[in-house]
Structure formats: structure tokens, C-alpha cells
Amino acid sequence: MTKNEERFEKCKEIFEHFGFDAQQDKLVEECDELIEAAQGEDYDSFIEELADVSIMIAQMFISLDEEQKAQFFDTIDHKLGRTLERIKNGSYT
């Protein structure tokens, strides 16, 4: 098992223990903390909060069914493509 697979399994175990509602609330809390850290100058705090949000996003991903996961990845692809197109057209500087 790769390190990423181990991380995912740990996220799944935590998500299954606490459940969707509790972890959704935790995601909101961690996002607030990331926003604060991103606006500050403490790089270590930023990295810690970025890791916390990443963990919560993985747990929210676990809650999705296969159709929702496909929609999630399609949305990511769309947004990446749209941003790259804007850069190419000079819309983003």
C-alpha cells in the first residue's frame, strides 16, 4: 500500500467514526482557520491549516457516490481548463 493509500484509509476510518455532519462542520472550521493562516505571515501555520483542510476534503470526497465523484472530477477539469483558457487569452495577468 502506498503512503497516499494509507492516508486515504486513515481518512476513511475517521470519517466513518464521526460521520458526515460532524466532519462537514469540521471542514468549515478548518477552512476558517486556513483563511486566517493564509492572511497571516506564519508559513508553518499556513502549512498546518492547508494539511487540515486537505484531510477534510478527502473525508468529504469519501462521502460521495460514484456519480458525484465523476461530477467532482469533471468540475475540476472544467475549472482548470477555463482558467488556462483565460490565461491564454490574456484575461488573467
PDB file of N, CA and C in Angstrom:
ATOM      1  N   MET A   1       0.849  -1.174   0.000  1.00  0.00           N
ATOM      2  CA  MET A   1       0.000   0.000   0.000  1.00  0.00           C
ATOM      3  C   MET A   1       0.903   1.248   0.000  1.00  0.00           C
ATOM      4  N   THR A   2       0.567   2.201  -0.868  1.00  0.00           N
ATOM      5  CA  THR A   2       1.347   3.433  -0.933  1.00  0.00           C
ATOM      6  C   THR A   2       1.018   4.340   0.249  1.00  0.00           C
ATOM      7  N   LYS A   3       1.853   5.339   0.456  1.00  0.00           N
ATOM      8  CA  LYS A   3       1.623   6.303   1.533  1.00  0.00           C
ATOM      9  C   LYS A   3       0.298   7.045   1.327  1.00  0.00           C
ATOM     10  N   ASN A   4      -0.015   7.387   0.077  1.00  0.00           N
ATOM     11  CA  ASN A   4      -1.286   8.056  -0.203  1.00  0.00           C
ATOM     12  C   ASN A   4      -2.470   7.147   0.081  1.00  0.00           C
ATOM     13  N   GLU A   5      -2.342   5.874  -0.244  1.00  0.00           N
ATOM     14  CA  GLU A   5      -3.420   4.926   0.060  1.00  0.00           C
ATOM     15  C   GLU A   5      -3.599   4.784   1.563  1.00  0.00           C
ATOM     16  N   GLU A   6      -2.498   4.776   2.304  1.00  0.00           N
ATOM     17  CA  GLU A   6      -2.579   4.714   3.771  1.00  0.00           C
ATOM     18  C   GLU A   6      -3.285   5.948   4.319  1.00  0.00           C
ATOM     19  N   ARG A   7      -2.940   7.103   3.781  1.00  0.00           N
ATOM     20  CA  ARG A   7      -3.584   8.345   4.223  1.00  0.00           C
ATOM     21  C   ARG A   7      -5.082   8.289   3.953  1.00  0.00           C
ATOM     22  N   PHE A   8      -5.442   7.828   2.760  1.00  0.00           N
ATOM     23  CA  PHE A   8      -6.853   7.748   2.392  1.00  0.00           C
ATOM     24  C   PHE A   8      -7.603   6.792   3.326  1.00  0.00           C
ATOM     25  N   GLU A   9      -7.005   5.669   3.646  1.00  0.00           N
ATOM     26  CA  GLU A   9      -7.640   4.708   4.551  1.00  0.00           C
ATOM     27  C   GLU A   9      -7.836   5.305   5.953  1.00  0.00           C
ATOM     28  N   LYS A  10      -6.867   6.073   6.407  1.00  0.00           N
ATOM     29  CA  LYS A  10      -6.994   6.749   7.706  1.00  0.00           C
ATOM     30  C   LYS A  10      -8.126   7.770   7.672  1.00  0.00           C
ATOM     31  N   CYS A  11      -8.211   8.521   6.574  1.00  0.00           N
ATOM     32  CA  CYS A  11      -9.303   9.484   6.419  1.00  0.00           C
ATOM     33  C   CYS A  11     -10.653   8.777   6.429  1.00  0.00           C
ATOM     34  N   LYS A  12     -10.719   7.652   5.748  1.00  0.00           N
ATOM     35  CA  LYS A  12     -11.967   6.876   5.690  1.00  0.00           C
ATOM     36  C   LYS A  12     -12.360   6.389   7.079  1.00  0.00           C
ATOM     37  N   GLU A  13     -11.405   5.898   7.845  1.00  0.00           N
ATOM     38  CA  GLU A  13     -11.684   5.419   9.203  1.00  0.00           C
ATOM     39  C   GLU A  13     -12.204   6.560  10.088  1.00  0.00           C
ATOM     40  N   ILE A  14     -11.570   7.706   9.988  1.00  0.00           N
ATOM     41  CA  ILE A  14     -12.002   8.868  10.781  1.00  0.00           C
ATOM     42  C   ILE A  14     -13.394   9.309  10.356  1.00  0.00           C
ATOM     43  N   PHE A  15     -13.621   9.389   9.032  1.00  0.00           N
ATOM     44  CA  PHE A  15     -14.932   9.795   8.532  1.00  0.00           C
ATOM     45  C   PHE A  15     -16.023   8.844   8.995  1.00  0.00           C
ATOM     46  N   GLU A  16     -15.765   7.554   8.908  1.00  0.00           N
ATOM     47  CA  GLU A  16     -16.766   6.565   9.317  1.00  0.00           C
ATOM     48  C   GLU A  16     -17.042   6.643  10.823  1.00  0.00           C
ATOM     49  N   HIS A  17     -16.040   7.010  11.600  1.00  0.00           N
ATOM     50  CA  HIS A  17     -16.237   7.128  13.051  1.00  0.00           C
ATOM     51  C   HIS A  17     -17.114   8.334  13.393  1.00  0.00           C
ATOM     52  N   PHE A  18     -16.797   9.497  12.820  1.00  0.00           N
ATOM     53  CA  PHE A  18     -17.504  10.718  13.204  1.00  0.00           C
ATOM     54  C   PHE A  18     -18.760  10.983  12.387  1.00  0.00           C
ATOM     55  N   GLY A  19     -18.795  10.545  11.144  1.00  0.00           N
ATOM     56  CA  GLY A  19     -19.962  10.751  10.294  1.00  0.00           C
ATOM     57  C   GLY A  19     -19.926  12.062   9.527  1.00  0.00           C
ATOM     58  N   PHE A  20     -20.826  12.141   8.554  1.00  0.00           N
ATOM     59  CA  PHE A  20     -20.839  13.267   7.627  1.00  0.00           C
ATOM     60  C   PHE A  20     -21.066  14.600   8.327  1.00  0.00           C
ATOM     61  N   ASP A  21     -22.096  14.709   9.142  1.00  0.00           N
ATOM     62  CA  ASP A  21     -22.456  16.000   9.736  1.00  0.00           C
ATOM     63  C   ASP A  21     -21.323  16.590  10.564  1.00  0.00           C
ATOM     64  N   ALA A  22     -20.722  15.775  11.411  1.00  0.00           N
ATOM     65  CA  ALA A  22     -19.624  16.260  12.260  1.00  0.00           C
ATOM     66  C   ALA A  22     -18.429  16.675  11.414  1.00  0.00           C
ATOM     67  N   GLN A  23     -18.131  15.908  10.387  1.00  0.00           N
ATOM     68  CA  GLN A  23     -16.967  16.221   9.572  1.00  0.00           C
ATOM     69  C   GLN A  23     -17.233  17.404   8.640  1.00  0.00           C
ATOM     70  N   GLN A  24     -18.462  17.588   8.249  1.00  0.00           N
ATOM     71  CA  GLN A  24     -18.806  18.777   7.463  1.00  0.00           C
ATOM     72  C   GLN A  24     -18.609  20.030   8.323  1.00  0.00           C
ATOM     73  N   ASP A  25     -19.039  19.974   9.570  1.00  0.00           N
ATOM     74  CA  ASP A  25     -18.807  21.088  10.495  1.00  0.00           C
ATOM     75  C   ASP A  25     -17.313  21.324  10.693  1.00  0.00           C
ATOM     76  N   LYS A  26     -16.558  20.245  10.804  1.00  0.00           N
ATOM     77  CA  LYS A  26     -15.108  20.345  10.982  1.00  0.00           C
ATOM     78  C   LYS A  26     -14.455  20.963   9.737  1.00  0.00           C
ATOM     79  N   LEU A  27     -14.954  20.645   8.562  1.00  0.00           N
ATOM     80  CA  LEU A  27     -14.435  21.234   7.330  1.00  0.00           C
ATOM     81  C   LEU A  27     -14.592  22.751   7.360  1.00  0.00           C
ATOM     82  N   VAL A  28     -15.757  23.213   7.767  1.00  0.00           N
ATOM     83  CA  VAL A  28     -15.999  24.653   7.853  1.00  0.00           C
ATOM     84  C   VAL A  28     -15.013  25.299   8.823  1.00  0.00           C
ATOM     85  N   GLU A  29     -14.828  24.684   9.973  1.00  0.00           N
ATOM     86  CA  GLU A  29     -13.891  25.192  10.984  1.00  0.00           C
ATOM     87  C   GLU A  29     -12.467  25.261  10.422  1.00  0.00           C
ATOM     88  N   GLU A  30     -12.051  24.194   9.769  1.00  0.00           N
ATOM     89  CA  GLU A  30     -10.692  24.153   9.238  1.00  0.00           C
ATOM     90  C   GLU A  30     -10.510  25.149   8.096  1.00  0.00           C
ATOM     91  N   CYS A  31     -11.534  25.367   7.285  1.00  0.00           N
ATOM     92  CA  CYS A  31     -11.442  26.364   6.214  1.00  0.00           C
ATOM     93  C   CYS A  31     -11.287  27.767   6.794  1.00  0.00           C
ATOM     94  N   ASP A  32     -12.033  28.053   7.859  1.00  0.00           N
ATOM     95  CA  ASP A  32     -11.882  29.346   8.531  1.00  0.00           C
ATOM     96  C   ASP A  32     -10.452  29.537   9.023  1.00  0.00           C
ATOM     97  N   GLU A  33      -9.887  28.488   9.615  1.00  0.00           N
ATOM     98  CA  GLU A  33      -8.521  28.569  10.132  1.00  0.00           C
ATOM     99  C   GLU A  33      -7.511  28.736   8.991  1.00  0.00           C
ATOM    100  N   LEU A  34      -7.764  28.098   7.853  1.00  0.00           N
ATOM    101  CA  LEU A  34      -6.880  28.252   6.703  1.00  0.00           C
ATOM    102  C   LEU A  34      -6.931  29.683   6.173  1.00  0.00           C
ATOM    103  N   ILE A  35      -8.105  30.255   6.119  1.00  0.00           N
ATOM    104  CA  ILE A  35      -8.235  31.636   5.657  1.00  0.00           C
ATOM    105  C   ILE A  35      -7.416  32.566   6.543  1.00  0.00           C
ATOM    106  N   GLU A  36      -7.538  32.400   7.842  1.00  0.00           N
ATOM    107  CA  GLU A  36      -6.754  33.219   8.773  1.00  0.00           C
ATOM    108  C   GLU A  36      -5.259  33.023   8.542  1.00  0.00           C
ATOM    109  N   ALA A  37      -4.839  31.784   8.413  1.00  0.00           N
ATOM    110  CA  ALA A  37      -3.418  31.496   8.224  1.00  0.00           C
ATOM    111  C   ALA A  37      -2.917  32.051   6.897  1.00  0.00           C
ATOM    112  N   ALA A  38      -3.740  31.982   5.863  1.00  0.00           N
ATOM    113  CA  ALA A  38      -3.338  32.485   4.542  1.00  0.00           C
ATOM    114  C   ALA A  38      -3.180  33.998   4.553  1.00  0.00           C
ATOM    115  N   GLN A  39      -3.896  34.659   5.430  1.00  0.00           N
ATOM    116  CA  GLN A  39      -3.804  36.114   5.514  1.00  0.00           C
ATOM    117  C   GLN A  39      -2.672  36.571   6.425  1.00  0.00           C
ATOM    118  N   GLY A  40      -2.085  35.635   7.155  1.00  0.00           N
ATOM    119  CA  GLY A  40      -1.003  35.964   8.068  1.00  0.00           C
ATOM    120  C   GLY A  40       0.352  35.732   7.438  1.00  0.00           C
ATOM    121  N   GLU A  41       1.349  35.800   8.257  1.00  0.00           N
ATOM    122  CA  GLU A  41       2.720  35.655   7.762  1.00  0.00           C
ATOM    123  C   GLU A  41       3.425  34.435   8.345  1.00  0.00           C
ATOM    124  N   ASP A  42       2.691  33.600   9.081  1.00  0.00           N
ATOM    125  CA  ASP A  42       3.281  32.406   9.696  1.00  0.00           C
ATOM    126  C   ASP A  42       3.151  31.235   8.726  1.00  0.00           C
ATOM    127  N   TYR A  43       4.241  30.949   8.014  1.00  0.00           N
ATOM    128  CA  TYR A  43       4.227  29.907   6.986  1.00  0.00           C
ATOM    129  C   TYR A  43       3.918  28.532   7.580  1.00  0.00           C
ATOM    130  N   ASP A  44       4.460  28.238   8.763  1.00  0.00           N
ATOM    131  CA  ASP A  44       4.209  26.935   9.396  1.00  0.00           C
ATOM    132  C   ASP A  44       2.728  26.753   9.707  1.00  0.00           C
ATOM    133  N   SER A  45       2.089  27.814  10.172  1.00  0.00           N
ATOM    134  CA  SER A  45       0.650  27.758  10.447  1.00  0.00           C
ATOM    135  C   SER A  45      -0.130  27.532   9.158  1.00  0.00           C
ATOM    136  N   PHE A  46       0.280  28.201   8.098  1.00  0.00           N
ATOM    137  CA  PHE A  46      -0.372  28.018   6.798  1.00  0.00           C
ATOM    138  C   PHE A  46      -0.284  26.567   6.336  1.00  0.00           C
ATOM    139  N   ILE A  47       0.892  25.975   6.438  1.00  0.00           N
ATOM    140  CA  ILE A  47       1.081  24.582   6.023  1.00  0.00           C
ATOM    141  C   ILE A  47       0.202  23.654   6.869  1.00  0.00           C
ATOM    142  N   GLU A  48       0.166  23.889   8.177  1.00  0.00           N
ATOM    143  CA  GLU A  48      -0.652  23.053   9.054  1.00  0.00           C
ATOM    144  C   GLU A  48      -2.125  23.141   8.688  1.00  0.00           C
ATOM    145  N   GLU A  49      -2.618  24.346   8.485  1.00  0.00           N
ATOM    146  CA  GLU A  49      -4.038  24.507   8.155  1.00  0.00           C
ATOM    147  C   GLU A  49      -4.353  23.984   6.761  1.00  0.00           C
ATOM    148  N   LEU A  50      -3.420  24.125   5.836  1.00  0.00           N
ATOM    149  CA  LEU A  50      -3.605  23.557   4.500  1.00  0.00           C
ATOM    150  C   LEU A  50      -3.724  22.038   4.585  1.00  0.00           C
ATOM    151  N   ALA A  51      -2.895  21.424   5.428  1.00  0.00           N
ATOM    152  CA  ALA A  51      -2.976  19.975   5.635  1.00  0.00           C
ATOM    153  C   ALA A  51      -4.317  19.590   6.250  1.00  0.00           C
ATOM    154  N   ASP A  52      -4.767  20.359   7.241  1.00  0.00           N
ATOM    155  CA  ASP A  52      -6.061  20.070   7.881  1.00  0.00           C
ATOM    156  C   ASP A  52      -7.200  20.116   6.865  1.00  0.00           C
ATOM    157  N   VAL A  53      -7.212  21.146   6.024  1.00  0.00           N
ATOM    158  CA  VAL A  53      -8.273  21.271   5.023  1.00  0.00           C
ATOM    159  C   VAL A  53      -8.181  20.135   4.008  1.00  0.00           C
ATOM    160  N   SER A  54      -6.984  19.760   3.624  1.00  0.00           N
ATOM    161  CA  SER A  54      -6.814  18.644   2.687  1.00  0.00           C
ATOM    162  C   SER A  54      -7.379  17.350   3.252  1.00  0.00           C
ATOM    163  N   ILE A  55      -7.143  17.129   4.533  1.00  0.00           N
ATOM    164  CA  ILE A  55      -7.684  15.941   5.203  1.00  0.00           C
ATOM    165  C   ILE A  55      -9.211  15.972   5.185  1.00  0.00           C
ATOM    166  N   MET A  56      -9.770  17.131   5.466  1.00  0.00           N
ATOM    167  CA  MET A  56     -11.235  17.236   5.496  1.00  0.00           C
ATOM    168  C   MET A  56     -11.823  17.082   4.096  1.00  0.00           C
ATOM    169  N   ILE A  57     -11.148  17.618   3.090  1.00  0.00           N
ATOM    170  CA  ILE A  57     -11.624  17.444   1.716  1.00  0.00           C
ATOM    171  C   ILE A  57     -11.612  15.966   1.338  1.00  0.00           C
ATOM    172  N   ALA A  58     -10.571  15.255   1.730  1.00  0.00           N
ATOM    173  CA  ALA A  58     -10.516  13.811   1.457  1.00  0.00           C
ATOM    174  C   ALA A  58     -11.687  13.103   2.119  1.00  0.00           C
ATOM    175  N   GLN A  59     -12.017  13.516   3.335  1.00  0.00           N
ATOM    176  CA  GLN A  59     -13.138  12.884   4.030  1.00  0.00           C
ATOM    177  C   GLN A  59     -14.469  13.207   3.355  1.00  0.00           C
ATOM    178  N   MET A  60     -14.621  14.421   2.870  1.00  0.00           N
ATOM    179  CA  MET A  60     -15.853  14.777   2.156  1.00  0.00           C
ATOM    180  C   MET A  60     -15.936  14.007   0.838  1.00  0.00           C
ATOM    181  N   PHE A  61     -14.792  13.808   0.190  1.00  0.00           N
ATOM    182  CA  PHE A  61     -14.758  13.032  -1.044  1.00  0.00           C
ATOM    183  C   PHE A  61     -15.247  11.605  -0.793  1.00  0.00           C
ATOM    184  N   ILE A  62     -14.857  11.048   0.330  1.00  0.00           N
ATOM    185  CA  ILE A  62     -15.275   9.691   0.698  1.00  0.00           C
ATOM    186  C   ILE A  62     -16.798   9.580   0.753  1.00  0.00           C
ATOM    187  N   SER A  63     -17.445  10.679   1.136  1.00  0.00           N
ATOM    188  CA  SER A  63     -18.906  10.647   1.289  1.00  0.00           C
ATOM    189  C   SER A  63     -19.645  10.633  -0.045  1.00  0.00           C
ATOM    190  N   LEU A  64     -18.953  10.918  -1.133  1.00  0.00           N
ATOM    191  CA  LEU A  64     -19.606  10.995  -2.443  1.00  0.00           C
ATOM    192  C   LEU A  64     -19.836   9.617  -3.034  1.00  0.00           C
ATOM    193  N   ASP A  65     -20.960   9.477  -3.763  1.00  0.00           N
ATOM    194  CA  ASP A  65     -21.164   8.247  -4.511  1.00  0.00           C
ATOM    195  C   ASP A  65     -20.403   8.354  -5.833  1.00  0.00           C
ATOM    196  N   GLU A  66     -20.413   7.308  -6.626  1.00  0.00           N
ATOM    197  CA  GLU A  66     -19.604   7.278  -7.847  1.00  0.00           C
ATOM    198  C   GLU A  66     -20.003   8.376  -8.827  1.00  0.00           C
ATOM    199  N   GLU A  67     -21.275   8.643  -8.970  1.00  0.00           N
ATOM    200  CA  GLU A  67     -21.736   9.702  -9.875  1.00  0.00           C
ATOM    201  C   GLU A  67     -21.261  11.069  -9.387  1.00  0.00           C
ATOM    202  N   GLN A  68     -21.333  11.292  -8.099  1.00  0.00           N
ATOM    203  CA  GLN A  68     -20.868  12.551  -7.532  1.00  0.00           C
ATOM    204  C   GLN A  68     -19.351  12.701  -7.676  1.00  0.00           C
ATOM    205  N   LYS A  69     -18.624  11.616  -7.509  1.00  0.00           N
ATOM    206  CA  LYS A  69     -17.168  11.664  -7.707  1.00  0.00           C
ATOM    207  C   LYS A  69     -16.839  12.019  -9.155  1.00  0.00           C
ATOM    208  N   ALA A  70     -17.566  11.456 -10.098  1.00  0.00           N
ATOM    209  CA  ALA A  70     -17.357  11.779 -11.511  1.00  0.00           C
ATOM    210  C   ALA A  70     -17.662  13.257 -11.751  1.00  0.00           C
ATOM    211  N   GLN A  71     -18.748  13.751 -11.164  1.00  0.00           N
ATOM    212  CA  GLN A  71     -19.094  15.168 -11.284  1.00  0.00           C
ATOM    213  C   GLN A  71     -18.004  16.050 -10.684  1.00  0.00           C
ATOM    214  N   PHE A  72     -17.463  15.639  -9.546  1.00  0.00           N
ATOM    215  CA  PHE A  72     -16.380  16.361  -8.873  1.00  0.00           C
ATOM    216  C   PHE A  72     -15.181  16.505  -9.812  1.00  0.00           C
ATOM    217  N   PHE A  73     -14.739  15.395 -10.402  1.00  0.00           N
ATOM    218  CA  PHE A  73     -13.576  15.443 -11.294  1.00  0.00           C
ATOM    219  C   PHE A  73     -13.879  16.195 -12.584  1.00  0.00           C
ATOM    220  N   ASP A  74     -15.106  16.057 -13.103  1.00  0.00           N
ATOM    221  CA  ASP A  74     -15.483  16.828 -14.296  1.00  0.00           C
ATOM    222  C   ASP A  74     -15.445  18.323 -13.995  1.00  0.00           C
ATOM    223  N   THR A  75     -15.897  18.707 -12.815  1.00  0.00           N
ATOM    224  CA  THR A  75     -15.883  20.114 -12.415  1.00  0.00           C
ATOM    225  C   THR A  75     -14.454  20.628 -12.287  1.00  0.00           C
ATOM    226  N   ILE A  76     -13.586  19.832 -11.697  1.00  0.00           N
ATOM    227  CA  ILE A  76     -12.172  20.219 -11.601  1.00  0.00           C
ATOM    228  C   ILE A  76     -11.592  20.420 -12.999  1.00  0.00           C
ATOM    229  N   ASP A  77     -11.833  19.459 -13.891  1.00  0.00           N
ATOM    230  CA  ASP A  77     -11.313  19.566 -15.260  1.00  0.00           C
ATOM    231  C   ASP A  77     -11.833  20.825 -15.944  1.00  0.00           C
ATOM    232  N   HIS A  78     -13.123  21.107 -15.780  1.00  0.00           N
ATOM    233  CA  HIS A  78     -13.729  22.291 -16.385  1.00  0.00           C
ATOM    234  C   HIS A  78     -13.071  23.563 -15.858  1.00  0.00           C
ATOM    235  N   LYS A  79     -12.927  23.658 -14.546  1.00  0.00           N
ATOM    236  CA  LYS A  79     -12.360  24.858 -13.938  1.00  0.00           C
ATOM    237  C   LYS A  79     -10.895  25.055 -14.317  1.00  0.00           C
ATOM    238  N   LEU A  80     -10.124  23.982 -14.361  1.00  0.00           N
ATOM    239  CA  LEU A  80      -8.730  24.090 -14.787  1.00  0.00           C
ATOM    240  C   LEU A  80      -8.646  24.546 -16.239  1.00  0.00           C
ATOM    241  N   GLY A  81      -9.445  23.932 -17.087  1.00  0.00           N
ATOM    242  CA  GLY A  81      -9.454  24.304 -18.500  1.00  0.00           C
ATOM    243  C   GLY A  81      -9.882  25.746 -18.704  1.00  0.00           C
ATOM    244  N   ARG A  82     -10.898  26.179 -17.980  1.00  0.00           N
ATOM    245  CA  ARG A  82     -11.393  27.548 -18.095  1.00  0.00           C
ATOM    246  C   ARG A  82     -10.313  28.549 -17.672  1.00  0.00           C
ATOM    247  N   THR A  83      -9.640  28.265 -16.564  1.00  0.00           N
ATOM    248  CA  THR A  83      -8.591  29.174 -16.094  1.00  0.00           C
ATOM    249  C   THR A  83      -7.432  29.229 -17.076  1.00  0.00           C
ATOM    250  N   LEU A  84      -7.008  28.081 -17.595  1.00  0.00           N
ATOM    251  CA  LEU A  84      -5.924  28.072 -18.575  1.00  0.00           C
ATOM    252  C   LEU A  84      -6.323  28.816 -19.851  1.00  0.00           C
ATOM    253  N   GLU A  85      -7.567  28.684 -20.249  1.00  0.00           N
ATOM    254  CA  GLU A  85      -8.053  29.412 -21.427  1.00  0.00           C
ATOM    255  C   GLU A  85      -8.024  30.916 -21.173  1.00  0.00           C
ATOM    256  N   ARG A  86      -8.417  31.332 -19.984  1.00  0.00           N
ATOM    257  CA  ARG A  86      -8.370  32.762 -19.639  1.00  0.00           C
ATOM    258  C   ARG A  86      -6.940  33.276 -19.636  1.00  0.00           C
ATOM    259  N   ILE A  87      -6.028  32.487 -19.120  1.00  0.00           N
ATOM    260  CA  ILE A  87      -4.608  32.889 -19.134  1.00  0.00           C
ATOM    261  C   ILE A  87      -4.125  33.040 -20.580  1.00  0.00           C
ATOM    262  N   LYS A  88      -4.484  32.057 -21.391  1.00  0.00           N
ATOM    263  CA  LYS A  88      -4.073  32.063 -22.804  1.00  0.00           C
ATOM    264  C   LYS A  88      -4.622  33.296 -23.537  1.00  0.00           C
ATOM    265  N   ASN A  89      -5.844  33.706 -23.183  1.00  0.00           N
ATOM    266  CA  ASN A  89      -6.488  34.848 -23.823  1.00  0.00           C
ATOM    267  C   ASN A  89      -6.118  36.177 -23.181  1.00  0.00           C
ATOM    268  N   GLY A  90      -5.266  36.131 -22.162  1.00  0.00           N
ATOM    269  CA  GLY A  90      -4.840  37.363 -21.502  1.00  0.00           C
ATOM    270  C   GLY A  90      -5.841  37.912 -20.499  1.00  0.00           C
ATOM    271  N   SER A  91      -6.830  37.111 -20.121  1.00  0.00           N
ATOM    272  CA  SER A  91      -7.828  37.572 -19.162  1.00  0.00           C
ATOM    273  C   SER A  91      -7.300  37.620 -17.747  1.00  0.00           C
ATOM    274  N   TYR A  92      -6.312  36.790 -17.435  1.00  0.00           N
ATOM    275  CA  TYR A  92      -5.678  36.772 -16.124  1.00  0.00           C
ATOM    276  C   TYR A  92      -4.241  37.267 -16.297  1.00  0.00           C
ATOM    277  N   THR A  93      -3.864  38.183 -15.455  1.00  0.00           N
ATOM    278  CA  THR A  93      -2.485  38.664 -15.519  1.00  0.00           C
ATOM    279  C   THR A  93      -1.798  38.435 -14.204  1.00  0.00           C
TER     280      THR A  93
END
